[in-house]
Every structure is written in C-alpha cells, then in structure tokens.
Amino acid sequence: MPQTTIALHFEGSQVIALPRGTFANQVLWSSPARAVGDGVYTVENVGPALDDLDDLARRSGVSLLRSDRPFIGSTAQQLADALQGGWLHEAHNLQRSDEPHWALETVWDCGPLNAALTDSPITSVAVIHHPASEMEFMVAEHPTTHDLLVGPKTPTIEFPSVRFLASHVPTPRGIRASSVADAVKRLVPVIPAFDRALCEGRMKLISADLAKTTTAATAADEALSSFYLEQGPRLARRVLSAGTLLTSPEENDLLHRIGRGSWPIDRDVTAAWRVDAHRLIGLARATGLGLPQSPAPAPPARPLPPTLPNAPGRSTGGLR
C-alpha cells in the first residue's frame, strides 16, 4: 500500500500542497489549507497555518514531503502567459484518488508526453486551454530529466469516441522542451497543426452524421442535436474567428446562427440541416481549416481513336 503523504511546493508566501490518497486529502480539508484545483491546495507560508498543517498531519500519520521542484501548475501558468491569444491554465493532482490513469486516458499525443505517462510515475499535470479555438494541451514535468512535456489533450466533450479520432484524424505529436521559453518556441508550429486536426475532426463527424440521416429517423434526430448544439457551433465560431474569409451577408448570417446554436426556421428541419452542414463544411474548407485534402484522382484519359486504314488505291502523298 503506498505511503500516505502530502507533497509541498514552496513558492514565496504560499505553499502548494498535493495530497496522495483519500486520507491525506481529508487532512488538508481539516487544515487551514484552501482548495484551488483538482486535488490541489494552497496554505500560507507565514503565520501559524503551515505549523497547524504539520501538527495535524503528524497526529494523523501523514508525512509531509518538501519538493525541490517548481509546481507544474505554476510552470503551466508561465507557459500560458507567454503564448499569444489569451491562454488559461488549470492544475490536476494525479494522486488525488485511486484512479491515477486519468491523464493517460485523456491525452491525445503520440509523442514524449504519452510515453512518459505510460512509463513514469508522473504525479501531477496541468492543462492550458485556448477558449476561442477550444484547444487544450496537457503539461507535465518528466520525473527523471525534468524536461517539460506538452501534448494535446483529447477533446472528450466533442468526441465521445477516441476510436473515431484514431480512424479519421492523425494523432498529433507533442513536444519535449528544456524550459518554458524553449516550449513556447517549439509549440508555435504545433498549435496551428493541432487546431487543423480539431477542425478536421469536427468536419469528419458532421460528414458522418450526414451519412447517418439517410438510414434512420433516430439517427437524423441525434445528428440534428449534435450539429446545432455541439459540432456546428464550435466549427462556425472557429470559421468566424479565423478572420480570413470574406463571406456574403447570407453566409455571415449562417455562421452567426449556427455559432449561437440556433436551429433553422423551416418545416423540413432535416433538409435544412443538411444544407447548413454542407455549407458550413464548405466555408471551413475555404477558410483553410482542417487537414490538407488529397487531390481528387484525375479522370482516366480517353483512348485515342484508332487510325483509319487507307482506302484501296488511295495515295497518302501530297496533292500534285
């Protein structure tokens, strides 16, 4: 059975406390510490607060372990602040419960972060996310080399099935960096590629829903809800935020209506939805969103007409 501990990261006037196990979590709940995240607490590094926590932990048989490493949430905040576009961050303690596999199950990465989560005892991760494009990256520190590992996070709300992503969109590859500055430099080309992968996934899901509507009424109902409440609004807002496409007033109205999750006012809603879906995908492609599409195969060359034989007694020479 793993030892019940609380890891402490000292950062100026406050201490970040990460409990390992349910009992350690209860100790922090009963202490002067304040919950600030998913299994993450802070306690003042001045006055009696830290002494009170130390006394409570000792009486409860919980060990306090001082870490000499920066808290991953603070590192992620530096990364989010350094990226352009208003990135936000949040921290997660992977030892908050008996289910430490959350990060591995939700990371969408074929690079170093996935490998480290599989092979190494990473105890805490952070997530940086971009509200406008809805991109999310998981951030962790390699426990041996202390390199910074950053990889895309699977958008589970939009894509309930990871298999769908695996079969329709190539898995993105994250980065390994020596510092926050190095991570920012390496993420600059990765972010737009991840953005395109997200948009491609949305368009593929909409196309899959379009295909379902020809077979069953229930599939049409599910596709309508998915399009107008989930996939459509996200893709429409992304097309609008791209700012590179000059649309007609009608197309602009379409994007804003879908972006608000508004259904069409039409007797045949299914038919109207199919029109909306095809137009939205076309606008997204015209804006340059999604992955590069393979060119359509060239039509087969038409065979040359057979050479006609010369007529009997007819010369092929020039006229005299």
C-alpha atoms as a PDB file:
ATOM      1  CA  MET A   1       0.000   0.000   0.000  1.00  0.00           C
ATOM      2  CA  PRO A   2       1.515   3.385  -0.969  1.00  0.00           C
ATOM      3  CA  GLN A   3       2.531   5.711   1.828  1.00  0.00           C
ATOM      4  CA  THR A   4       0.028   8.459   2.638  1.00  0.00           C
ATOM      5  CA  THR A   5       1.845  11.742   2.004  1.00  0.00           C
ATOM      6  CA  ILE A   6       1.368  15.408   1.172  1.00  0.00           C
ATOM      7  CA  ALA A   7       3.904  16.915  -1.232  1.00  0.00           C
ATOM      8  CA  LEU A   8       4.719  20.563  -0.568  1.00  0.00           C
ATOM      9  CA  HIS A   9       5.978  23.026  -3.200  1.00  0.00           C
ATOM     10  CA  PHE A  10       7.207  26.270  -1.608  1.00  0.00           C
ATOM     11  CA  GLU A  11       6.535  29.338  -3.756  1.00  0.00           C
ATOM     12  CA  GLY A  12       7.144  32.604  -1.982  1.00  0.00           C
ATOM     13  CA  SER A  13       4.445  33.381   0.561  1.00  0.00           C
ATOM     14  CA  GLN A  14       2.382  30.315  -0.246  1.00  0.00           C
ATOM     15  CA  VAL A  15       2.859  26.556  -0.338  1.00  0.00           C
ATOM     16  CA  ILE A  16       1.203  24.260  -2.886  1.00  0.00           C
ATOM     17  CA  ALA A  17       0.056  21.035  -1.199  1.00  0.00           C
ATOM     18  CA  LEU A  18      -0.679  17.875  -3.191  1.00  0.00           C
ATOM     19  CA  PRO A  19      -2.219  15.012  -1.173  1.00  0.00           C
ATOM     20  CA  ARG A  20      -1.561  11.385  -2.057  1.00  0.00           C
ATOM     21  CA  GLY A  21      -4.582   9.294  -1.188  1.00  0.00           C
ATOM     22  CA  THR A  22      -8.009   9.947   0.276  1.00  0.00           C
ATOM     23  CA  PHE A  23      -6.811  10.198   3.907  1.00  0.00           C
ATOM     24  CA  ALA A  24      -4.214  12.852   3.042  1.00  0.00           C
ATOM     25  CA  ASN A  25      -6.941  14.747   1.215  1.00  0.00           C
ATOM     26  CA  GLN A  26      -9.095  14.671   4.366  1.00  0.00           C
ATOM     27  CA  VAL A  27      -6.208  16.065   6.410  1.00  0.00           C
ATOM     28  CA  LEU A  28      -5.962  19.053   4.095  1.00  0.00           C
ATOM     29  CA  TRP A  29      -9.732  19.578   4.227  1.00  0.00           C
ATOM     30  CA  SER A  30      -9.446  19.812   8.012  1.00  0.00           C
ATOM     31  CA  SER A  31      -6.438  22.144   7.899  1.00  0.00           C
ATOM     32  CA  PRO A  32      -6.132  25.855   7.112  1.00  0.00           C
ATOM     33  CA  ALA A  33      -5.299  24.924   3.505  1.00  0.00           C
ATOM     34  CA  ARG A  34      -7.559  26.141   0.681  1.00  0.00           C
ATOM     35  CA  ALA A  35      -8.598  24.026  -2.301  1.00  0.00           C
ATOM     36  CA  VAL A  36      -7.628  25.733  -5.584  1.00  0.00           C
ATOM     37  CA  GLY A  37      -7.839  22.913  -8.114  1.00  0.00           C
ATOM     38  CA  ASP A  38      -8.373  19.248  -8.753  1.00  0.00           C
ATOM     39  CA  GLY A  39      -6.690  17.793  -5.664  1.00  0.00           C
ATOM     40  CA  VAL A  40      -4.537  20.920  -5.315  1.00  0.00           C
ATOM     41  CA  TYR A  41      -4.394  23.095  -2.165  1.00  0.00           C
ATOM     42  CA  THR A  42      -2.558  26.192  -1.017  1.00  0.00           C
ATOM     43  CA  VAL A  43      -1.535  27.134   2.501  1.00  0.00           C
ATOM     44  CA  GLU A  44       0.055  30.364   3.656  1.00  0.00           C
ATOM     45  CA  ASN A  45       3.786  30.190   4.299  1.00  0.00           C
ATOM     46  CA  VAL A  46       3.504  32.829   7.011  1.00  0.00           C
ATOM     47  CA  GLY A  47       1.959  32.687  10.460  1.00  0.00           C
ATOM     48  CA  PRO A  48       0.700  29.520  12.139  1.00  0.00           C
ATOM     49  CA  ALA A  49      -1.084  27.978   9.102  1.00  0.00           C
ATOM     50  CA  LEU A  50       1.802  25.764   7.992  1.00  0.00           C
ATOM     51  CA  ASP A  51       2.579  24.768  11.584  1.00  0.00           C
ATOM     52  CA  ASP A  52      -1.060  23.806  12.106  1.00  0.00           C
ATOM     53  CA  LEU A  53      -0.948  21.620   8.985  1.00  0.00           C
ATOM     54  CA  ASP A  54       2.283  19.995  10.159  1.00  0.00           C
ATOM     55  CA  ASP A  55       0.779  19.248  13.568  1.00  0.00           C
ATOM     56  CA  LEU A  56      -2.442  17.830  12.096  1.00  0.00           C
ATOM     57  CA  ALA A  57      -0.546  15.654   9.617  1.00  0.00           C
ATOM     58  CA  ARG A  58       1.764  14.274  12.330  1.00  0.00           C
ATOM     59  CA  ARG A  59      -1.160  13.351  14.587  1.00  0.00           C
ATOM     60  CA  SER A  60      -2.894  11.692  11.613  1.00  0.00           C
ATOM     61  CA  GLY A  61       0.117   9.678  10.496  1.00  0.00           C
ATOM     62  CA  VAL A  62       0.516  11.592   7.222  1.00  0.00           C
ATOM     63  CA  SER A  63       4.028  12.526   6.074  1.00  0.00           C
ATOM     64  CA  LEU A  64       4.809  15.975   4.680  1.00  0.00           C
ATOM     65  CA  LEU A  65       7.377  15.823   1.885  1.00  0.00           C
ATOM     66  CA  ARG A  66       9.064  19.007   0.720  1.00  0.00           C
ATOM     67  CA  SER A  67       9.692  19.115  -3.034  1.00  0.00           C
ATOM     68  CA  ASP A  68      12.597  20.994  -4.542  1.00  0.00           C
ATOM     69  CA  ARG A  69      10.863  21.226  -7.946  1.00  0.00           C
ATOM     70  CA  PRO A  70       8.550  24.030  -9.145  1.00  0.00           C
ATOM     71  CA  PHE A  71       4.852  23.192  -9.087  1.00  0.00           C
ATOM     72  CA  ILE A  72       3.676  22.149 -12.569  1.00  0.00           C
ATOM     73  CA  GLY A  73       0.679  24.487 -12.319  1.00  0.00           C
ATOM     74  CA  SER A  74       2.986  27.486 -11.923  1.00  0.00           C
ATOM     75  CA  THR A  75       5.065  26.332 -14.890  1.00  0.00           C
ATOM     76  CA  ALA A  76       1.893  25.971 -16.965  1.00  0.00           C
ATOM     77  CA  GLN A  77       0.812  29.475 -15.971  1.00  0.00           C
ATOM     78  CA  GLN A  78       4.119  30.854 -17.260  1.00  0.00           C
ATOM     79  CA  LEU A  79       3.601  28.923 -20.494  1.00  0.00           C
ATOM     80  CA  ALA A  80       0.028  30.176 -20.897  1.00  0.00           C
ATOM     81  CA  ASP A  81       1.100  33.781 -20.236  1.00  0.00           C
ATOM     82  CA  ALA A  82       3.890  33.506 -22.829  1.00  0.00           C
ATOM     83  CA  LEU A  83       1.594  32.241 -25.615  1.00  0.00           C
ATOM     84  CA  GLN A  84      -0.425  34.741 -27.611  1.00  0.00           C
ATOM     85  CA  GLY A  85      -4.203  34.658 -27.663  1.00  0.00           C
ATOM     86  CA  GLY A  86      -5.366  34.527 -24.039  1.00  0.00           C
ATOM     87  CA  TRP A  87      -4.473  31.010 -22.904  1.00  0.00           C
ATOM     88  CA  LEU A  88      -5.696  29.810 -19.481  1.00  0.00           C
ATOM     89  CA  HIS A  89      -4.390  27.079 -17.190  1.00  0.00           C
ATOM     90  CA  GLU A  90      -5.506  24.641 -14.503  1.00  0.00           C
ATOM     91  CA  ALA A  91      -3.666  22.015 -12.451  1.00  0.00           C
ATOM     92  CA  HIS A  92      -4.521  18.406 -11.629  1.00  0.00           C
ATOM     93  CA  ASN A  93      -3.123  16.169  -8.895  1.00  0.00           C
ATOM     94  CA  LEU A  94      -2.980  12.643 -10.337  1.00  0.00           C
ATOM     95  CA  GLN A  95      -2.683  11.109  -6.853  1.00  0.00           C
ATOM     96  CA  ARG A  96      -5.877  12.622  -5.523  1.00  0.00           C
ATOM     97  CA  SER A  97      -7.704   9.269  -5.673  1.00  0.00           C
ATOM     98  CA  ASP A  98      -7.270   5.603  -6.543  1.00  0.00           C
ATOM     99  CA  GLU A  99      -7.659   6.408 -10.256  1.00  0.00           C
ATOM    100  CA  PRO A 100      -4.284   7.833 -11.334  1.00  0.00           C
ATOM    101  CA  HIS A 101      -4.763   6.970 -15.018  1.00  0.00           C
ATOM    102  CA  TRP A 102      -6.892   9.996 -15.891  1.00  0.00           C
ATOM    103  CA  ALA A 103      -4.083  11.794 -17.712  1.00  0.00           C
ATOM    104  CA  LEU A 104      -3.079   8.802 -19.830  1.00  0.00           C
ATOM    105  CA  GLU A 105      -6.699   8.185 -20.808  1.00  0.00           C
ATOM    106  CA  THR A 106      -7.284  11.769 -21.923  1.00  0.00           C
ATOM    107  CA  VAL A 107      -4.000  12.722 -23.603  1.00  0.00           C
ATOM    108  CA  TRP A 108      -4.147  12.798 -27.420  1.00  0.00           C
ATOM    109  CA  ASP A 109      -0.465  12.516 -28.198  1.00  0.00           C
ATOM    110  CA  CYS A 110       1.858  10.085 -29.967  1.00  0.00           C
ATOM    111  CA  GLY A 111       4.969  11.831 -28.651  1.00  0.00           C
ATOM    112  CA  PRO A 112       7.048  12.097 -25.474  1.00  0.00           C
ATOM    113  CA  LEU A 113       4.215  13.011 -23.087  1.00  0.00           C
ATOM    114  CA  ASN A 114       2.273   9.846 -23.836  1.00  0.00           C
ATOM    115  CA  ALA A 115       5.423   7.764 -23.396  1.00  0.00           C
ATOM    116  CA  ALA A 116       6.258   9.414 -20.064  1.00  0.00           C
ATOM    117  CA  LEU A 117       2.725   8.973 -18.701  1.00  0.00           C
ATOM    118  CA  THR A 118       2.904   5.304 -19.657  1.00  0.00           C
ATOM    119  CA  ASP A 119       6.338   4.542 -18.214  1.00  0.00           C
ATOM    120  CA  SER A 120       7.000   7.124 -15.483  1.00  0.00           C
ATOM    121  CA  PRO A 121       5.442   7.985 -12.097  1.00  0.00           C
ATOM    122  CA  ILE A 122       4.190  11.457 -13.038  1.00  0.00           C
ATOM    123  CA  THR A 123       2.214  12.712 -10.045  1.00  0.00           C
ATOM    124  CA  SER A 124       0.695  15.946 -11.317  1.00  0.00           C
ATOM    125  CA  VAL A 125      -0.108  17.599 -14.629  1.00  0.00           C
ATOM    126  CA  ALA A 126      -1.555  20.909 -15.782  1.00  0.00           C
ATOM    127  CA  VAL A 127      -3.750  21.833 -18.710  1.00  0.00           C
ATOM    128  CA  ILE A 128      -3.518  25.012 -20.761  1.00  0.00           C
ATOM    129  CA  HIS A 129      -6.523  25.799 -22.931  1.00  0.00           C
ATOM    130  CA  HIS A 130      -7.484  28.389 -25.516  1.00  0.00           C
ATOM    131  CA  PRO A 131     -11.157  29.396 -25.137  1.00  0.00           C
ATOM    132  CA  ALA A 132     -11.567  30.804 -28.659  1.00  0.00           C
ATOM    133  CA  SER A 133     -10.411  27.708 -30.555  1.00  0.00           C
ATOM    134  CA  GLU A 134     -11.084  25.242 -27.692  1.00  0.00           C
ATOM    135  CA  MET A 135      -7.603  23.741 -27.972  1.00  0.00           C
ATOM    136  CA  GLU A 136      -6.201  22.028 -24.871  1.00  0.00           C
ATOM    137  CA  PHE A 137      -2.644  20.942 -24.120  1.00  0.00           C
ATOM    138  CA  MET A 138      -1.529  18.810 -21.194  1.00  0.00           C
ATOM    139  CA  VAL A 139       1.691  19.893 -19.454  1.00  0.00           C
ATOM    140  CA  ALA A 140       3.912  17.717 -17.256  1.00  0.00           C
ATOM    141  CA  GLU A 141       7.468  17.534 -15.986  1.00  0.00           C
ATOM    142  CA  HIS A 142       9.488  14.416 -16.739  1.00  0.00           C
ATOM    143  CA  PRO A 143      10.297  12.947 -13.306  1.00  0.00           C
ATOM    144  CA  THR A 144      13.853  11.973 -14.265  1.00  0.00           C
ATOM    145  CA  THR A 145      15.168  14.585 -16.683  1.00  0.00           C
ATOM    146  CA  HIS A 146      12.819  17.395 -15.539  1.00  0.00           C
ATOM    147  CA  ASP A 147      12.179  18.279 -19.183  1.00  0.00           C
ATOM    148  CA  LEU A 148       8.872  19.984 -19.899  1.00  0.00           C
ATOM    149  CA  LEU A 149       6.450  17.708 -21.784  1.00  0.00           C
ATOM    150  CA  VAL A 150       3.489  19.221 -23.636  1.00  0.00           C
ATOM    151  CA  GLY A 151       0.959  17.266 -25.670  1.00  0.00           C
ATOM    152  CA  PRO A 152      -2.588  17.790 -26.995  1.00  0.00           C
ATOM    153  CA  LYS A 153      -5.468  16.691 -24.786  1.00  0.00           C
ATOM    154  CA  THR A 154      -8.255  14.610 -26.266  1.00  0.00           C
ATOM    155  CA  PRO A 155     -11.374  16.800 -26.613  1.00  0.00           C
ATOM    156  CA  THR A 156     -13.631  14.284 -24.875  1.00  0.00           C
ATOM    157  CA  ILE A 157     -16.695  16.569 -24.797  1.00  0.00           C
ATOM    158  CA  GLU A 158     -16.713  16.909 -28.568  1.00  0.00           C
ATOM    159  CA  PHE A 159     -15.504  13.436 -29.453  1.00  0.00           C
ATOM    160  CA  PRO A 160     -17.041  10.795 -27.175  1.00  0.00           C
ATOM    161  CA  SER A 161     -15.208   8.052 -29.068  1.00  0.00           C
ATOM    162  CA  VAL A 162     -11.430   8.175 -29.241  1.00  0.00           C
ATOM    163  CA  ARG A 163     -11.661   5.467 -31.886  1.00  0.00           C
ATOM    164  CA  PHE A 164     -13.361   7.945 -34.197  1.00  0.00           C
ATOM    165  CA  LEU A 165     -10.386  10.289 -33.910  1.00  0.00           C
ATOM    166  CA  ALA A 166      -7.901   7.458 -34.346  1.00  0.00           C
ATOM    167  CA  SER A 167      -9.550   6.305 -37.549  1.00  0.00           C
ATOM    168  CA  HIS A 168     -10.286   9.723 -39.075  1.00  0.00           C
ATOM    169  CA  VAL A 169      -7.577  12.144 -37.887  1.00  0.00           C
ATOM    170  CA  PRO A 170      -3.822  11.502 -37.408  1.00  0.00           C
ATOM    171  CA  THR A 171      -2.800  11.665 -33.746  1.00  0.00           C
ATOM    172  CA  PRO A 172      -0.887  14.912 -33.080  1.00  0.00           C
ATOM    173  CA  ARG A 173       2.618  14.798 -31.655  1.00  0.00           C
ATOM    174  CA  GLY A 174       3.572  16.923 -28.656  1.00  0.00           C
ATOM    175  CA  ILE A 175       6.919  18.408 -27.695  1.00  0.00           C
ATOM    176  CA  ARG A 176       9.728  17.990 -25.181  1.00  0.00           C
ATOM    177  CA  ALA A 177      11.466  21.181 -24.059  1.00  0.00           C
ATOM    178  CA  SER A 178      14.221  22.224 -21.668  1.00  0.00           C
ATOM    179  CA  SER A 179      12.423  25.340 -20.392  1.00  0.00           C
ATOM    180  CA  VAL A 180       9.271  27.401 -20.746  1.00  0.00           C
ATOM    181  CA  ALA A 181      10.951  29.606 -23.357  1.00  0.00           C
ATOM    182  CA  ASP A 182      12.001  26.513 -25.312  1.00  0.00           C
ATOM    183  CA  ALA A 183       8.461  25.100 -25.024  1.00  0.00           C
ATOM    184  CA  VAL A 184       6.942  28.294 -26.426  1.00  0.00           C
ATOM    185  CA  LYS A 185       9.336  28.176 -29.385  1.00  0.00           C
ATOM    186  CA  ARG A 186       8.501  24.525 -30.114  1.00  0.00           C
ATOM    187  CA  LEU A 187       4.747  24.974 -29.673  1.00  0.00           C
ATOM    188  CA  VAL A 188       4.465  27.789 -32.221  1.00  0.00           C
ATOM    189  CA  PRO A 189       4.317  25.361 -35.211  1.00  0.00           C
ATOM    190  CA  VAL A 190       2.441  22.673 -33.245  1.00  0.00           C
ATOM    191  CA  ILE A 191      -0.541  24.824 -32.225  1.00  0.00           C
ATOM    192  CA  PRO A 192      -1.876  25.550 -35.743  1.00  0.00           C
ATOM    193  CA  ALA A 193      -1.396  21.892 -36.699  1.00  0.00           C
ATOM    194  CA  PHE A 194      -3.433  20.819 -33.669  1.00  0.00           C
ATOM    195  CA  ASP A 195      -6.061  23.427 -34.493  1.00  0.00           C
ATOM    196  CA  ARG A 196      -6.383  21.989 -38.002  1.00  0.00           C
ATOM    197  CA  ALA A 197      -6.696  18.475 -36.576  1.00  0.00           C
ATOM    198  CA  LEU A 198      -9.544  19.607 -34.297  1.00  0.00           C
ATOM    199  CA  CYS A 199     -11.373  21.272 -37.166  1.00  0.00           C
ATOM    200  CA  GLU A 200     -10.839  18.204 -39.329  1.00  0.00           C
ATOM    201  CA  GLY A 201     -12.327  16.039 -36.609  1.00  0.00           C
ATOM    202  CA  ARG A 202     -15.399  18.280 -36.390  1.00  0.00           C
ATOM    203  CA  MET A 203     -15.918  18.214 -40.146  1.00  0.00           C
ATOM    204  CA  LYS A 204     -15.481  14.438 -40.293  1.00  0.00           C
ATOM    205  CA  LEU A 205     -18.043  13.996 -37.516  1.00  0.00           C
ATOM    206  CA  ILE A 206     -20.534  16.250 -39.288  1.00  0.00           C
ATOM    207  CA  SER A 207     -19.980  14.310 -42.506  1.00  0.00           C
ATOM    208  CA  ALA A 208     -20.506  11.038 -40.643  1.00  0.00           C
ATOM    209  CA  ASP A 209     -23.780  12.392 -39.215  1.00  0.00           C
ATOM    210  CA  LEU A 210     -24.853  13.423 -42.702  1.00  0.00           C
ATOM    211  CA  ALA A 211     -24.343   9.857 -43.868  1.00  0.00           C
ATOM    212  CA  LYS A 212     -26.463   8.502 -40.990  1.00  0.00           C
ATOM    213  CA  THR A 213     -29.528  10.567 -41.820  1.00  0.00           C
ATOM    214  CA  THR A 214     -30.248   8.560 -44.949  1.00  0.00           C
ATOM    215  CA  THR A 215     -30.793   5.363 -42.958  1.00  0.00           C
ATOM    216  CA  ALA A 216     -32.888   6.090 -39.853  1.00  0.00           C
ATOM    217  CA  ALA A 217     -35.057   8.805 -38.330  1.00  0.00           C
ATOM    218  CA  THR A 218     -33.436   8.394 -34.895  1.00  0.00           C
ATOM    219  CA  ALA A 219     -30.027   8.925 -36.459  1.00  0.00           C
ATOM    220  CA  ALA A 220     -31.332  12.131 -38.015  1.00  0.00           C
ATOM    221  CA  ASP A 221     -32.572  13.377 -34.626  1.00  0.00           C
ATOM    222  CA  GLU A 222     -29.205  12.647 -32.999  1.00  0.00           C
ATOM    223  CA  ALA A 223     -27.351  14.289 -35.874  1.00  0.00           C
ATOM    224  CA  LEU A 224     -29.503  17.418 -35.634  1.00  0.00           C
ATOM    225  CA  SER A 225     -28.758  17.791 -31.930  1.00  0.00           C
ATOM    226  CA  SER A 226     -25.060  17.109 -32.439  1.00  0.00           C
ATOM    227  CA  PHE A 227     -24.799  19.664 -35.219  1.00  0.00           C
ATOM    228  CA  TYR A 228     -26.794  22.530 -33.702  1.00  0.00           C
ATOM    229  CA  LEU A 229     -25.690  22.057 -30.100  1.00  0.00           C
ATOM    230  CA  GLU A 230     -22.110  20.736 -30.328  1.00  0.00           C
ATOM    231  CA  GLN A 231     -20.151  20.347 -33.558  1.00  0.00           C
ATOM    232  CA  GLY A 232     -21.785  23.082 -35.645  1.00  0.00           C
ATOM    233  CA  PRO A 233     -21.428  25.959 -33.139  1.00  0.00           C
ATOM    234  CA  ARG A 234     -17.777  25.142 -32.441  1.00  0.00           C
ATOM    235  CA  LEU A 235     -16.858  24.906 -36.106  1.00  0.00           C
ATOM    236  CA  ALA A 236     -18.863  28.018 -37.040  1.00  0.00           C
ATOM    237  CA  ARG A 237     -17.209  30.081 -34.296  1.00  0.00           C
ATOM    238  CA  ARG A 238     -13.812  28.846 -35.449  1.00  0.00           C
ATOM    239  CA  VAL A 239     -14.562  29.908 -39.036  1.00  0.00           C
ATOM    240  CA  LEU A 240     -15.628  33.350 -37.782  1.00  0.00           C
ATOM    241  CA  SER A 241     -12.556  33.711 -35.555  1.00  0.00           C
ATOM    242  CA  ALA A 242     -10.224  32.829 -38.438  1.00  0.00           C
ATOM    243  CA  GLY A 243     -10.956  36.235 -39.942  1.00  0.00           C
ATOM    244  CA  THR A 244      -9.516  35.274 -43.319  1.00  0.00           C
ATOM    245  CA  LEU A 245     -12.706  34.671 -45.285  1.00  0.00           C
ATOM    246  CA  LEU A 246     -14.862  37.454 -46.714  1.00  0.00           C
ATOM    247  CA  THR A 247     -18.361  35.982 -46.645  1.00  0.00           C
ATOM    248  CA  SER A 248     -21.551  37.212 -48.214  1.00  0.00           C
ATOM    249  CA  PRO A 249     -24.225  38.624 -45.857  1.00  0.00           C
ATOM    250  CA  GLU A 250     -26.129  35.344 -46.195  1.00  0.00           C
ATOM    251  CA  GLU A 251     -23.072  33.264 -45.274  1.00  0.00           C
ATOM    252  CA  ASN A 252     -22.260  35.598 -42.396  1.00  0.00           C
ATOM    253  CA  ASP A 253     -25.805  35.182 -41.045  1.00  0.00           C
ATOM    254  CA  LEU A 254     -25.470  31.417 -41.412  1.00  0.00           C
ATOM    255  CA  LEU A 255     -22.235  31.331 -39.394  1.00  0.00           C
ATOM    256  CA  HIS A 256     -23.648  33.503 -36.619  1.00  0.00           C
ATOM    257  CA  ARG A 257     -26.869  31.496 -36.441  1.00  0.00           C
ATOM    258  CA  ILE A 258     -25.037  28.172 -36.216  1.00  0.00           C
ATOM    259  CA  GLY A 259     -22.481  29.665 -33.838  1.00  0.00           C
ATOM    260  CA  ARG A 260     -25.313  30.547 -31.446  1.00  0.00           C
ATOM    261  CA  GLY A 261     -26.739  27.043 -31.731  1.00  0.00           C
ATOM    262  CA  SER A 262     -29.910  28.351 -33.422  1.00  0.00           C
ATOM    263  CA  TRP A 263     -31.952  25.848 -35.410  1.00  0.00           C
ATOM    264  CA  PRO A 264     -33.327  26.778 -38.853  1.00  0.00           C
ATOM    265  CA  ILE A 265     -36.901  28.009 -39.100  1.00  0.00           C
ATOM    266  CA  ASP A 266     -38.123  25.508 -41.645  1.00  0.00           C
ATOM    267  CA  ARG A 267     -40.833  22.898 -41.878  1.00  0.00           C
ATOM    268  CA  ASP A 268     -38.394  20.266 -43.060  1.00  0.00           C
ATOM    269  CA  VAL A 269     -35.692  20.776 -40.444  1.00  0.00           C
ATOM    270  CA  THR A 270     -33.695  17.735 -41.528  1.00  0.00           C
ATOM    271  CA  ALA A 271     -33.410  19.005 -45.092  1.00  0.00           C
ATOM    272  CA  ALA A 272     -32.457  22.486 -43.835  1.00  0.00           C
ATOM    273  CA  TRP A 273     -29.861  20.983 -41.521  1.00  0.00           C
ATOM    274  CA  ARG A 274     -28.250  19.072 -44.379  1.00  0.00           C
ATOM    275  CA  VAL A 275     -27.971  22.311 -46.356  1.00  0.00           C
ATOM    276  CA  ASP A 276     -26.486  24.117 -43.339  1.00  0.00           C
ATOM    277  CA  ALA A 277     -23.989  21.314 -42.700  1.00  0.00           C
ATOM    278  CA  HIS A 278     -22.715  21.171 -46.283  1.00  0.00           C
ATOM    279  CA  ARG A 279     -22.404  24.964 -46.458  1.00  0.00           C
ATOM    280  CA  LEU A 280     -20.539  25.125 -43.143  1.00  0.00           C
ATOM    281  CA  ILE A 281     -18.050  22.461 -44.205  1.00  0.00           C
ATOM    282  CA  GLY A 282     -17.530  24.318 -47.486  1.00  0.00           C
ATOM    283  CA  LEU A 283     -16.856  27.598 -45.671  1.00  0.00           C
ATOM    284  CA  ALA A 284     -14.437  25.887 -43.269  1.00  0.00           C
ATOM    285  CA  ARG A 285     -12.527  24.382 -46.182  1.00  0.00           C
ATOM    286  CA  ALA A 286     -12.472  27.739 -47.990  1.00  0.00           C
ATOM    287  CA  THR A 287     -11.039  29.347 -44.852  1.00  0.00           C
ATOM    288  CA  GLY A 288      -8.187  26.838 -44.828  1.00  0.00           C
ATOM    289  CA  LEU A 289      -9.321  24.981 -41.703  1.00  0.00           C
ATOM    290  CA  GLY A 290      -8.849  21.232 -41.415  1.00  0.00           C
ATOM    291  CA  LEU A 291      -6.119  18.992 -42.728  1.00  0.00           C
ATOM    292  CA  PRO A 292      -4.855  19.266 -46.323  1.00  0.00           C
ATOM    293  CA  GLN A 293      -7.142  17.281 -48.570  1.00  0.00           C
ATOM    294  CA  SER A 294      -5.794  14.793 -51.079  1.00  0.00           C
ATOM    295  CA  PRO A 295      -6.465  15.963 -54.628  1.00  0.00           C
ATOM    296  CA  ALA A 296      -9.268  14.199 -56.427  1.00  0.00           C
ATOM    297  CA  PRO A 297      -7.990  11.494 -58.760  1.00  0.00           C
ATOM    298  CA  ALA A 298      -7.675  12.633 -62.348  1.00  0.00           C
ATOM    299  CA  PRO A 299     -10.273  11.195 -64.711  1.00  0.00           C
ATOM    300  CA  PRO A 300      -8.943   8.360 -66.851  1.00  0.00           C
ATOM    301  CA  ALA A 301      -7.511   9.511 -70.136  1.00  0.00           C
ATOM    302  CA  ARG A 302      -9.765   8.930 -73.105  1.00  0.00           C
ATOM    303  CA  PRO A 303      -8.223   6.433 -75.554  1.00  0.00           C
ATOM    304  CA  LEU A 304      -7.152   7.822 -78.876  1.00  0.00           C
ATOM    305  CA  PRO A 305      -9.387   6.873 -81.785  1.00  0.00           C
ATOM    306  CA  PRO A 306      -7.980   4.049 -83.893  1.00  0.00           C
ATOM    307  CA  THR A 307      -6.101   5.036 -87.047  1.00  0.00           C
ATOM    308  CA  LEU A 308      -8.308   4.590 -90.084  1.00  0.00           C
ATOM    309  CA  PRO A 309      -6.812   2.362 -92.805  1.00  0.00           C
ATOM    310  CA  ASN A 310      -6.110   3.889 -96.185  1.00  0.00           C
ATOM    311  CA  ALA A 311      -8.795   3.356 -98.803  1.00  0.00           C
ATOM    312  CA  PRO A 312      -7.787   0.943-101.604  1.00  0.00           C
ATOM    313  CA  GLY A 313      -5.990   2.674-104.439  1.00  0.00           C
ATOM    314  CA  ARG A 314      -5.868   5.965-102.442  1.00  0.00           C
ATOM    315  CA  SER A 315      -2.435   7.609-102.157  1.00  0.00           C
ATOM    316  CA  THR A 316      -1.378   9.305 -98.888  1.00  0.00           C
ATOM    317  CA  GLY A 317       1.035  11.564-100.645  1.00  0.00           C
ATOM    318  CA  GLY A 318       0.571  15.266-101.220  1.00  0.00           C
ATOM    319  CA  LEU A 319      -1.631  16.699-103.924  1.00  0.00           C
ATOM    320  CA  ARG A 320       0.012  17.263-107.253  1.00  0.00           C
END
